[in-house]
Amino acid sequence: DLDEPDATMMTDIRVRCGEFVPQMEHCQRCRADAAGMLG
């Protein structure tokens, strides 16, 4: 029942975290049997 974080929340968090370590933003939340190109 938790809400999925919206784009604004994710952008804000990534900006704040980016001050400490490079951020990766192209993750596709892949399956455990994914094959081929991302996405």
PDB file of all heavy atoms in Angstrom:
ATOM      1  N   ASP A   1       0.806  -1.226   0.000  1.00  0.00           N
ATOM      2  CA  ASP A   1       0.000   0.000   0.000  1.00  0.00           C
ATOM      3  C   ASP A   1       0.836   1.272   0.000  1.00  0.00           C
ATOM      4  O   ASP A   1       0.284   2.381   0.020  1.00  0.00           O
ATOM      5  CB  ASP A   1      -0.931   0.006   1.220  1.00  0.00           C
ATOM      6  CG  ASP A   1      -1.971  -1.107   1.154  1.00  0.00           C
ATOM      7  OD1 ASP A   1      -2.365  -1.476   0.030  1.00  0.00           O
ATOM      8  OD2 ASP A   1      -2.373  -1.610   2.224  1.00  0.00           O
ATOM      9  N   LEU A   2       2.150   1.146  -0.006  1.00  0.00           N
ATOM     10  CA  LEU A   2       2.985   2.344  -0.114  1.00  0.00           C
ATOM     11  C   LEU A   2       2.849   2.954  -1.510  1.00  0.00           C
ATOM     12  O   LEU A   2       2.642   2.239  -2.496  1.00  0.00           O
ATOM     13  CB  LEU A   2       4.458   2.005   0.146  1.00  0.00           C
ATOM     14  CG  LEU A   2       4.875   1.663   1.577  1.00  0.00           C
ATOM     15  CD1 LEU A   2       6.388   1.472   1.632  1.00  0.00           C
ATOM     16  CD2 LEU A   2       4.446   2.746   2.557  1.00  0.00           C
ATOM     17  N   ASP A   3       2.994   4.264  -1.589  1.00  0.00           N
ATOM     18  CA  ASP A   3       2.962   4.941  -2.887  1.00  0.00           C
ATOM     19  C   ASP A   3       4.303   4.788  -3.587  1.00  0.00           C
ATOM     20  O   ASP A   3       5.367   4.801  -2.941  1.00  0.00           O
ATOM     21  CB  ASP A   3       2.660   6.429  -2.707  1.00  0.00           C
ATOM     22  CG  ASP A   3       1.251   6.678  -2.190  1.00  0.00           C
ATOM     23  OD1 ASP A   3       0.353   5.885  -2.530  1.00  0.00           O
ATOM     24  OD2 ASP A   3       1.055   7.655  -1.443  1.00  0.00           O
ATOM     25  N   GLU A   4       4.265   4.662  -4.888  1.00  0.00           N
ATOM     26  CA  GLU A   4       5.500   4.697  -5.665  1.00  0.00           C
ATOM     27  C   GLU A   4       6.002   6.131  -5.709  1.00  0.00           C
ATOM     28  O   GLU A   4       5.229   7.054  -5.973  1.00  0.00           O
ATOM     29  CB  GLU A   4       5.255   4.180  -7.080  1.00  0.00           C
ATOM     30  CG  GLU A   4       6.523   4.099  -7.918  1.00  0.00           C
ATOM     31  CD  GLU A   4       6.293   3.400  -9.252  1.00  0.00           C
ATOM     32  OE1 GLU A   4       5.170   2.900  -9.478  1.00  0.00           O
ATOM     33  OE2 GLU A   4       7.249   3.346 -10.050  1.00  0.00           O
ATOM     34  N   PRO A   5       7.269   6.371  -5.427  1.00  0.00           N
ATOM     35  CA  PRO A   5       7.776   7.747  -5.447  1.00  0.00           C
ATOM     36  C   PRO A   5       7.639   8.367  -6.822  1.00  0.00           C
ATOM     37  O   PRO A   5       7.890   7.706  -7.836  1.00  0.00           O
ATOM     38  CB  PRO A   5       9.246   7.597  -5.038  1.00  0.00           C
ATOM     39  CG  PRO A   5       9.584   6.162  -5.264  1.00  0.00           C
ATOM     40  CD  PRO A   5       8.318   5.392  -5.075  1.00  0.00           C
ATOM     41  N   ASP A   6       7.228   9.627  -6.866  1.00  0.00           N
ATOM     42  CA  ASP A   6       7.033  10.275  -8.160  1.00  0.00           C
ATOM     43  C   ASP A   6       8.352  10.813  -8.699  1.00  0.00           C
ATOM     44  O   ASP A   6       9.398  10.777  -8.028  1.00  0.00           O
ATOM     45  CB  ASP A   6       5.980  11.384  -8.069  1.00  0.00           C
ATOM     46  CG  ASP A   6       6.346  12.483  -7.068  1.00  0.00           C
ATOM     47  OD1 ASP A   6       7.555  12.681  -6.799  1.00  0.00           O
ATOM     48  OD2 ASP A   6       5.427  13.144  -6.563  1.00  0.00           O
ATOM     49  N   ALA A   7       8.312  11.325  -9.914  1.00  0.00           N
ATOM     50  CA  ALA A   7       9.531  11.782 -10.598  1.00  0.00           C
ATOM     51  C   ALA A   7      10.200  12.927  -9.850  1.00  0.00           C
ATOM     52  O   ALA A   7      11.430  13.022  -9.800  1.00  0.00           O
ATOM     53  CB  ALA A   7       9.196  12.195 -12.024  1.00  0.00           C
ATOM     54  N   THR A   8       9.389  13.813  -9.250  1.00  0.00           N
ATOM     55  CA  THR A   8       9.958  14.952  -8.525  1.00  0.00           C
ATOM     56  C   THR A   8      10.769  14.476  -7.327  1.00  0.00           C
ATOM     57  O   THR A   8      11.882  14.955  -7.082  1.00  0.00           O
ATOM     58  CB  THR A   8       8.833  15.897  -8.061  1.00  0.00           C
ATOM     59  OG1 THR A   8       8.124  16.375  -9.202  1.00  0.00           O
ATOM     60  CG2 THR A   8       9.413  17.078  -7.296  1.00  0.00           C
ATOM     61  N   MET A   9      10.208  13.525  -6.564  1.00  0.00           N
ATOM     62  CA  MET A   9      10.932  12.988  -5.411  1.00  0.00           C
ATOM     63  C   MET A   9      12.227  12.317  -5.856  1.00  0.00           C
ATOM     64  O   MET A   9      13.288  12.534  -5.239  1.00  0.00           O
ATOM     65  CB  MET A   9      10.064  11.989  -4.645  1.00  0.00           C
ATOM     66  CG  MET A   9      10.803  11.294  -3.503  1.00  0.00           C
ATOM     67  SD  MET A   9       9.828  10.034  -2.637  1.00  0.00           S
ATOM     68  CE  MET A   9       8.756  11.090  -1.663  1.00  0.00           C
ATOM     69  N   MET A  10      12.171  11.513  -6.926  1.00  0.00           N
ATOM     70  CA  MET A  10      13.360  10.805  -7.376  1.00  0.00           C
ATOM     71  C   MET A  10      14.437  11.770  -7.862  1.00  0.00           C
ATOM     72  O   MET A  10      15.624  11.595  -7.575  1.00  0.00           O
ATOM     73  CB  MET A  10      12.994   9.807  -8.470  1.00  0.00           C
ATOM     74  CG  MET A  10      12.111   8.658  -8.003  1.00  0.00           C
ATOM     75  SD  MET A  10      12.829   7.688  -6.650  1.00  0.00           S
ATOM     76  CE  MET A  10      14.344   7.104  -7.408  1.00  0.00           C
ATOM     77  N   THR A  11      14.026  12.810  -8.582  1.00  0.00           N
ATOM     78  CA  THR A  11      14.999  13.796  -9.067  1.00  0.00           C
ATOM     79  C   THR A  11      15.673  14.496  -7.907  1.00  0.00           C
ATOM     80  O   THR A  11      16.902  14.683  -7.884  1.00  0.00           O
ATOM     81  CB  THR A  11      14.316  14.819  -9.987  1.00  0.00           C
ATOM     82  OG1 THR A  11      13.785  14.152 -11.128  1.00  0.00           O
ATOM     83  CG2 THR A  11      15.311  15.884 -10.447  1.00  0.00           C
ATOM     84  N   ASP A  12      14.879  14.906  -6.920  1.00  0.00           N
ATOM     85  CA  ASP A  12      15.436  15.603  -5.758  1.00  0.00           C
ATOM     86  C   ASP A  12      16.429  14.722  -5.011  1.00  0.00           C
ATOM     87  O   ASP A  12      17.520  15.175  -4.629  1.00  0.00           O
ATOM     88  CB  ASP A  12      14.295  16.028  -4.832  1.00  0.00           C
ATOM     89  CG  ASP A  12      14.807  16.701  -3.562  1.00  0.00           C
ATOM     90  OD1 ASP A  12      15.423  17.779  -3.677  1.00  0.00           O
ATOM     91  OD2 ASP A  12      14.605  16.140  -2.461  1.00  0.00           O
ATOM     92  N   ILE A  13      16.062  13.459  -4.809  1.00  0.00           N
ATOM     93  CA  ILE A  13      16.945  12.544  -4.081  1.00  0.00           C
ATOM     94  C   ILE A  13      18.243  12.324  -4.857  1.00  0.00           C
ATOM     95  O   ILE A  13      19.342  12.329  -4.282  1.00  0.00           O
ATOM     96  CB  ILE A  13      16.223  11.208  -3.818  1.00  0.00           C
ATOM     97  CG1 ILE A  13      15.146  11.394  -2.754  1.00  0.00           C
ATOM     98  CG2 ILE A  13      17.213  10.123  -3.401  1.00  0.00           C
ATOM     99  CD1 ILE A  13      14.273  10.177  -2.512  1.00  0.00           C
ATOM    100  N   ARG A  14      18.149  12.144  -6.153  1.00  0.00           N
ATOM    101  CA  ARG A  14      19.360  11.914  -6.954  1.00  0.00           C
ATOM    102  C   ARG A  14      20.278  13.128  -6.949  1.00  0.00           C
ATOM    103  O   ARG A  14      21.515  12.981  -6.914  1.00  0.00           O
ATOM    104  CB  ARG A  14      18.972  11.539  -8.382  1.00  0.00           C
ATOM    105  CG  ARG A  14      18.427  10.112  -8.500  1.00  0.00           C
ATOM    106  CD  ARG A  14      17.899   9.819  -9.868  1.00  0.00           C
ATOM    107  NE  ARG A  14      17.430   8.433  -9.971  1.00  0.00           N
ATOM    108  CZ  ARG A  14      16.354   8.059 -10.633  1.00  0.00           C
ATOM    109  NH1 ARG A  14      15.618   8.962 -11.287  1.00  0.00           N
ATOM    110  NH2 ARG A  14      16.001   6.789 -10.669  1.00  0.00           N
ATOM    111  N   VAL A  15      19.708  14.310  -6.983  1.00  0.00           N
ATOM    112  CA  VAL A  15      20.533  15.531  -6.926  1.00  0.00           C
ATOM    113  C   VAL A  15      21.276  15.591  -5.599  1.00  0.00           C
ATOM    114  O   VAL A  15      22.488  15.876  -5.556  1.00  0.00           O
ATOM    115  CB  VAL A  15      19.660  16.780  -7.133  1.00  0.00           C
ATOM    116  CG1 VAL A  15      20.456  18.043  -6.797  1.00  0.00           C
ATOM    117  CG2 VAL A  15      19.159  16.853  -8.567  1.00  0.00           C
ATOM    118  N   ARG A  16      20.574  15.330  -4.526  1.00  0.00           N
ATOM    119  CA  ARG A  16      21.206  15.377  -3.199  1.00  0.00           C
ATOM    120  C   ARG A  16      22.268  14.289  -3.055  1.00  0.00           C
ATOM    121  O   ARG A  16      23.352  14.519  -2.511  1.00  0.00           O
ATOM    122  CB  ARG A  16      20.146  15.243  -2.118  1.00  0.00           C
ATOM    123  CG  ARG A  16      19.191  16.437  -2.051  1.00  0.00           C
ATOM    124  CD  ARG A  16      17.952  16.120  -1.234  1.00  0.00           C
ATOM    125  NE  ARG A  16      18.277  15.797   0.146  1.00  0.00           N
ATOM    126  CZ  ARG A  16      17.437  15.235   1.009  1.00  0.00           C
ATOM    127  NH1 ARG A  16      16.226  14.881   0.580  1.00  0.00           N
ATOM    128  NH2 ARG A  16      17.809  14.991   2.243  1.00  0.00           N
ATOM    129  N   CYS A  17      21.973  13.109  -3.561  1.00  0.00           N
ATOM    130  CA  CYS A  17      22.941  12.005  -3.454  1.00  0.00           C
ATOM    131  C   CYS A  17      24.140  12.217  -4.368  1.00  0.00           C
ATOM    132  O   CYS A  17      25.251  11.750  -4.074  1.00  0.00           O
ATOM    133  CB  CYS A  17      22.261  10.682  -3.796  1.00  0.00           C
ATOM    134  SG  CYS A  17      21.030  10.137  -2.589  1.00  0.00           S
ATOM    135  N   GLY A  18      23.921  12.917  -5.471  1.00  0.00           N
ATOM    136  CA  GLY A  18      24.994  13.169  -6.423  1.00  0.00           C
ATOM    137  C   GLY A  18      26.125  14.003  -5.862  1.00  0.00           C
ATOM    138  O   GLY A  18      27.209  14.066  -6.450  1.00  0.00           O
ATOM    139  N   GLU A  19      25.896  14.650  -4.740  1.00  0.00           N
ATOM    140  CA  GLU A  19      26.966  15.420  -4.094  1.00  0.00           C
ATOM    141  C   GLU A  19      28.029  14.501  -3.508  1.00  0.00           C
ATOM    142  O   GLU A  19      29.148  14.941  -3.246  1.00  0.00           O
ATOM    143  CB  GLU A  19      26.380  16.293  -2.984  1.00  0.00           C
ATOM    144  CG  GLU A  19      25.370  17.332  -3.464  1.00  0.00           C
ATOM    145  CD  GLU A  19      24.761  18.100  -2.301  1.00  0.00           C
ATOM    146  OE1 GLU A  19      25.277  17.950  -1.174  1.00  0.00           O
ATOM    147  OE2 GLU A  19      23.784  18.834  -2.525  1.00  0.00           O
ATOM    148  N   PHE A  20      27.677  13.231  -3.309  1.00  0.00           N
ATOM    149  CA  PHE A  20      28.586  12.318  -2.614  1.00  0.00           C
ATOM    150  C   PHE A  20      29.129  11.206  -3.500  1.00  0.00           C
ATOM    151  O   PHE A  20      30.253  10.735  -3.288  1.00  0.00           O
ATOM    152  CB  PHE A  20      27.859  11.692  -1.417  1.00  0.00           C
ATOM    153  CG  PHE A  20      27.213  12.683  -0.517  1.00  0.00           C
ATOM    154  CD1 PHE A  20      25.833  12.787  -0.464  1.00  0.00           C
ATOM    155  CD2 PHE A  20      27.978  13.534   0.263  1.00  0.00           C
ATOM    156  CE1 PHE A  20      25.216  13.706   0.366  1.00  0.00           C
ATOM    157  CE2 PHE A  20      27.378  14.464   1.099  1.00  0.00           C
ATOM    158  CZ  PHE A  20      25.985  14.560   1.146  1.00  0.00           C
ATOM    159  N   VAL A  21      28.349  10.752  -4.483  1.00  0.00           N
ATOM    160  CA  VAL A  21      28.779   9.634  -5.328  1.00  0.00           C
ATOM    161  C   VAL A  21      28.056   9.747  -6.668  1.00  0.00           C
ATOM    162  O   VAL A  21      26.900  10.192  -6.721  1.00  0.00           O
ATOM    163  CB  VAL A  21      28.470   8.281  -4.632  1.00  0.00           C
ATOM    164  CG1 VAL A  21      26.985   8.102  -4.403  1.00  0.00           C
ATOM    165  CG2 VAL A  21      29.039   7.111  -5.399  1.00  0.00           C
ATOM    166  N   PRO A  22      28.721   9.433  -7.786  1.00  0.00           N
ATOM    167  CA  PRO A  22      28.067   9.523  -9.102  1.00  0.00           C
ATOM    168  C   PRO A  22      26.773   8.711  -9.146  1.00  0.00           C
ATOM    169  O   PRO A  22      26.716   7.573  -8.667  1.00  0.00           O
ATOM    170  CB  PRO A  22      29.123   8.949 -10.059  1.00  0.00           C
ATOM    171  CG  PRO A  22      30.424   9.182  -9.363  1.00  0.00           C
ATOM    172  CD  PRO A  22      30.141   9.014  -7.906  1.00  0.00           C
ATOM    173  N   GLN A  23      25.749   9.306  -9.741  1.00  0.00           N
ATOM    174  CA  GLN A  23      24.439   8.668  -9.808  1.00  0.00           C
ATOM    175  C   GLN A  23      24.234   7.969 -11.149  1.00  0.00           C
ATOM    176  O   GLN A  23      24.647   8.466 -12.191  1.00  0.00           O
ATOM    177  CB  GLN A  23      23.340   9.708  -9.604  1.00  0.00           C
ATOM    178  CG  GLN A  23      23.341  10.327  -8.224  1.00  0.00           C
ATOM    179  CD  GLN A  23      23.001   9.312  -7.150  1.00  0.00           C
ATOM    180  OE1 GLN A  23      21.890   8.785  -7.093  1.00  0.00           O
ATOM    181  NE2 GLN A  23      23.964   9.037  -6.277  1.00  0.00           N
ATOM    182  N   MET A  24      23.574   6.821 -11.087  1.00  0.00           N
ATOM    183  CA  MET A  24      23.198   6.098 -12.295  1.00  0.00           C
ATOM    184  C   MET A  24      21.693   6.268 -12.496  1.00  0.00           C
ATOM    185  O   MET A  24      20.904   6.016 -11.588  1.00  0.00           O
ATOM    186  CB  MET A  24      23.543   4.617 -12.148  1.00  0.00           C
ATOM    187  CG  MET A  24      23.237   3.794 -13.369  1.00  0.00           C
ATOM    188  SD  MET A  24      23.853   2.113 -13.164  1.00  0.00           S
ATOM    189  CE  MET A  24      25.615   2.405 -13.176  1.00  0.00           C
ATOM    190  N   GLU A  25      21.302   6.706 -13.677  1.00  0.00           N
ATOM    191  CA  GLU A  25      19.893   7.050 -13.893  1.00  0.00           C
ATOM    192  C   GLU A  25      19.241   6.267 -15.026  1.00  0.00           C
ATOM    193  O   GLU A  25      18.083   6.537 -15.354  1.00  0.00           O
ATOM    194  CB  GLU A  25      19.768   8.557 -14.163  1.00  0.00           C
ATOM    195  CG  GLU A  25      20.286   9.424 -13.024  1.00  0.00           C
ATOM    196  CD  GLU A  25      20.046  10.900 -13.238  1.00  0.00           C
ATOM    197  OE1 GLU A  25      19.127  11.231 -14.022  1.00  0.00           O
ATOM    198  OE2 GLU A  25      20.766  11.729 -12.649  1.00  0.00           O
ATOM    199  N   HIS A  26      19.937   5.308 -15.622  1.00  0.00           N
ATOM    200  CA  HIS A  26      19.348   4.595 -16.753  1.00  0.00           C
ATOM    201  C   HIS A  26      18.968   3.145 -16.402  1.00  0.00           C
ATOM    202  O   HIS A  26      18.728   2.334 -17.285  1.00  0.00           O
ATOM    203  CB  HIS A  26      20.292   4.608 -17.955  1.00  0.00           C
ATOM    204  CG  HIS A  26      21.542   3.789 -17.783  1.00  0.00           C
ATOM    205  ND1 HIS A  26      22.584   4.175 -16.984  1.00  0.00           N
ATOM    206  CD2 HIS A  26      21.914   2.592 -18.314  1.00  0.00           C
ATOM    207  CE1 HIS A  26      23.549   3.279 -17.032  1.00  0.00           C
ATOM    208  NE2 HIS A  26      23.159   2.292 -17.825  1.00  0.00           N
ATOM    209  N   CYS A  27      18.873   2.827 -15.104  1.00  0.00           N
ATOM    210  CA  CYS A  27      18.523   1.477 -14.680  1.00  0.00           C
ATOM    211  C   CYS A  27      17.123   1.095 -15.176  1.00  0.00           C
ATOM    212  O   CYS A  27      16.199   1.914 -15.147  1.00  0.00           O
ATOM    213  CB  CYS A  27      18.567   1.379 -13.159  1.00  0.00           C
ATOM    214  SG  CYS A  27      18.020  -0.207 -12.500  1.00  0.00           S
ATOM    215  N   GLN A  28      16.973  -0.149 -15.628  1.00  0.00           N
ATOM    216  CA  GLN A  28      15.701  -0.631 -16.168  1.00  0.00           C
ATOM    217  C   GLN A  28      15.023  -1.665 -15.260  1.00  0.00           C
ATOM    218  O   GLN A  28      14.072  -2.304 -15.658  1.00  0.00           O
ATOM    219  CB  GLN A  28      15.928  -1.254 -17.555  1.00  0.00           C
ATOM    220  CG  GLN A  28      16.484  -0.281 -18.576  1.00  0.00           C
ATOM    221  CD  GLN A  28      15.522   0.852 -18.865  1.00  0.00           C
ATOM    222  OE1 GLN A  28      14.355   0.628 -19.159  1.00  0.00           O
ATOM    223  NE2 GLN A  28      16.004   2.091 -18.766  1.00  0.00           N
ATOM    224  N   ARG A  29      15.516  -1.836 -14.036  1.00  0.00           N
ATOM    225  CA  ARG A  29      14.935  -2.798 -13.091  1.00  0.00           C
ATOM    226  C   ARG A  29      14.738  -4.167 -13.759  1.00  0.00           C
ATOM    227  O   ARG A  29      13.645  -4.701 -13.865  1.00  0.00           O
ATOM    228  CB  ARG A  29      13.603  -2.285 -12.529  1.00  0.00           C
ATOM    229  CG  ARG A  29      13.746  -0.991 -11.768  1.00  0.00           C
ATOM    230  CD  ARG A  29      12.526  -0.668 -10.926  1.00  0.00           C
ATOM    231  NE  ARG A  29      11.356  -0.322 -11.703  1.00  0.00           N
ATOM    232  CZ  ARG A  29      10.322   0.370 -11.218  1.00  0.00           C
ATOM    233  NH1 ARG A  29      10.343   0.787  -9.958  1.00  0.00           N
ATOM    234  NH2 ARG A  29       9.272   0.639 -11.959  1.00  0.00           N
ATOM    235  N   CYS A  30      15.843  -4.738 -14.210  1.00  0.00           N
ATOM    236  CA  CYS A  30      15.794  -5.927 -15.064  1.00  0.00           C
ATOM    237  C   CYS A  30      15.374  -7.181 -14.293  1.00  0.00           C
ATOM    238  O   CYS A  30      15.657  -7.338 -13.104  1.00  0.00           O
ATOM    239  CB  CYS A  30      17.160  -6.182 -15.685  1.00  0.00           C
ATOM    240  SG  CYS A  30      17.724  -4.854 -16.753  1.00  0.00           S
ATOM    241  N   ARG A  31      14.744  -8.087 -15.037  1.00  0.00           N
ATOM    242  CA  ARG A  31      14.385  -9.407 -14.522  1.00  0.00           C
ATOM    243  C   ARG A  31      15.637 -10.254 -14.285  1.00  0.00           C
ATOM    244  O   ARG A  31      16.707  -9.955 -14.819  1.00  0.00           O
ATOM    245  CB  ARG A  31      13.500 -10.137 -15.537  1.00  0.00           C
ATOM    246  CG  ARG A  31      12.152  -9.511 -15.787  1.00  0.00           C
ATOM    247  CD  ARG A  31      11.536 -10.089 -17.048  1.00  0.00           C
ATOM    248  NE  ARG A  31      11.490 -11.542 -17.031  1.00  0.00           N
ATOM    249  CZ  ARG A  31      10.459 -12.264 -16.612  1.00  0.00           C
ATOM    250  NH1 ARG A  31       9.368 -11.655 -16.179  1.00  0.00           N
ATOM    251  NH2 ARG A  31      10.489 -13.574 -16.628  1.00  0.00           N
ATOM    252  N   ALA A  32      15.459 -11.316 -13.511  1.00  0.00           N
ATOM    253  CA  ALA A  32      16.580 -12.217 -13.239  1.00  0.00           C
ATOM    254  C   ALA A  32      16.921 -13.097 -14.431  1.00  0.00           C
ATOM    255  O   ALA A  32      17.938 -13.801 -14.406  1.00  0.00           O
ATOM    256  CB  ALA A  32      16.270 -13.094 -12.027  1.00  0.00           C
ATOM    257  N   ASP A  33      16.095 -13.070 -15.495  1.00  0.00           N
ATOM    258  CA  ASP A  33      16.399 -13.843 -16.704  1.00  0.00           C
ATOM    259  C   ASP A  33      16.463 -12.949 -17.943  1.00  0.00           C
ATOM    260  O   ASP A  33      16.267 -13.415 -19.069  1.00  0.00           O
ATOM    261  CB  ASP A  33      15.379 -14.969 -16.907  1.00  0.00           C
ATOM    262  CG  ASP A  33      13.942 -14.449 -17.044  1.00  0.00           C
ATOM    263  OD1 ASP A  33      13.741 -13.212 -17.028  1.00  0.00           O
ATOM    264  OD2 ASP A  33      13.020 -15.271 -17.174  1.00  0.00           O
ATOM    265  N   ALA A  34      16.740 -11.662 -17.736  1.00  0.00           N
ATOM    266  CA  ALA A  34      16.774 -10.716 -18.856  1.00  0.00           C
ATOM    267  C   ALA A  34      17.944 -11.023 -19.790  1.00  0.00           C
ATOM    268  O   ALA A  34      19.013 -11.456 -19.364  1.00  0.00           O
ATOM    269  CB  ALA A  34      16.903  -9.287 -18.333  1.00  0.00           C
ATOM    270  N   ALA A  35      17.729 -10.788 -21.086  1.00  0.00           N
ATOM    271  CA  ALA A  35      18.786 -11.012 -22.085  1.00  0.00           C
ATOM    272  C   ALA A  35      18.615 -10.021 -23.218  1.00  0.00           C
ATOM    273  O   ALA A  35      17.491  -9.695 -23.621  1.00  0.00           O
ATOM    274  CB  ALA A  35      18.735 -12.435 -22.624  1.00  0.00           C
ATOM    275  N   GLY A  36      19.735  -9.535 -23.750  1.00  0.00           N
ATOM    276  CA  GLY A  36      19.701  -8.601 -24.866  1.00  0.00           C
ATOM    277  C   GLY A  36      19.938  -7.176 -24.416  1.00  0.00           C
ATOM    278  O   GLY A  36      20.632  -6.913 -23.432  1.00  0.00           O
ATOM    279  N   MET A  37      19.348  -6.237 -25.130  1.00  0.00           N
ATOM    280  CA  MET A  37      19.514  -4.816 -24.834  1.00  0.00           C
ATOM    281  C   MET A  37      18.699  -4.418 -23.609  1.00  0.00           C
ATOM    282  O   MET A  37      17.618  -4.965 -23.352  1.00  0.00           O
ATOM    283  CB  MET A  37      19.049  -3.980 -26.024  1.00  0.00           C
ATOM    284  CG  MET A  37      19.884  -4.168 -27.281  1.00  0.00           C
ATOM    285  SD  MET A  37      21.360  -3.136 -27.330  1.00  0.00           S
ATOM    286  CE  MET A  37      20.646  -1.553 -27.790  1.00  0.00           C
ATOM    287  N   LEU A  38      19.190  -3.437 -22.851  1.00  0.00           N
ATOM    288  CA  LEU A  38      18.429  -2.915 -21.727  1.00  0.00           C
ATOM    289  C   LEU A  38      17.129  -2.303 -22.210  1.00  0.00           C
ATOM    290  O   LEU A  38      17.079  -1.662 -23.262  1.00  0.00           O
ATOM    291  CB  LEU A  38      19.232  -1.835 -20.998  1.00  0.00           C
ATOM    292  CG  LEU A  38      20.044  -2.286 -19.778  1.00  0.00           C
ATOM    293  CD1 LEU A  38      21.154  -3.225 -20.185  1.00  0.00           C
ATOM    294  CD2 LEU A  38      20.588  -1.080 -19.037  1.00  0.00           C
ATOM    295  N   GLY A  39      16.070  -2.531 -21.453  1.00  0.00           N
ATOM    296  CA  GLY A  39      14.795  -1.920 -21.774  1.00  0.00           C
ATOM    297  C   GLY A  39      13.959  -2.681 -22.769  1.00  0.00           C
ATOM    298  O   GLY A  39      12.829  -2.292 -23.049  1.00  0.00           O
TER     299      GLY A  39
END
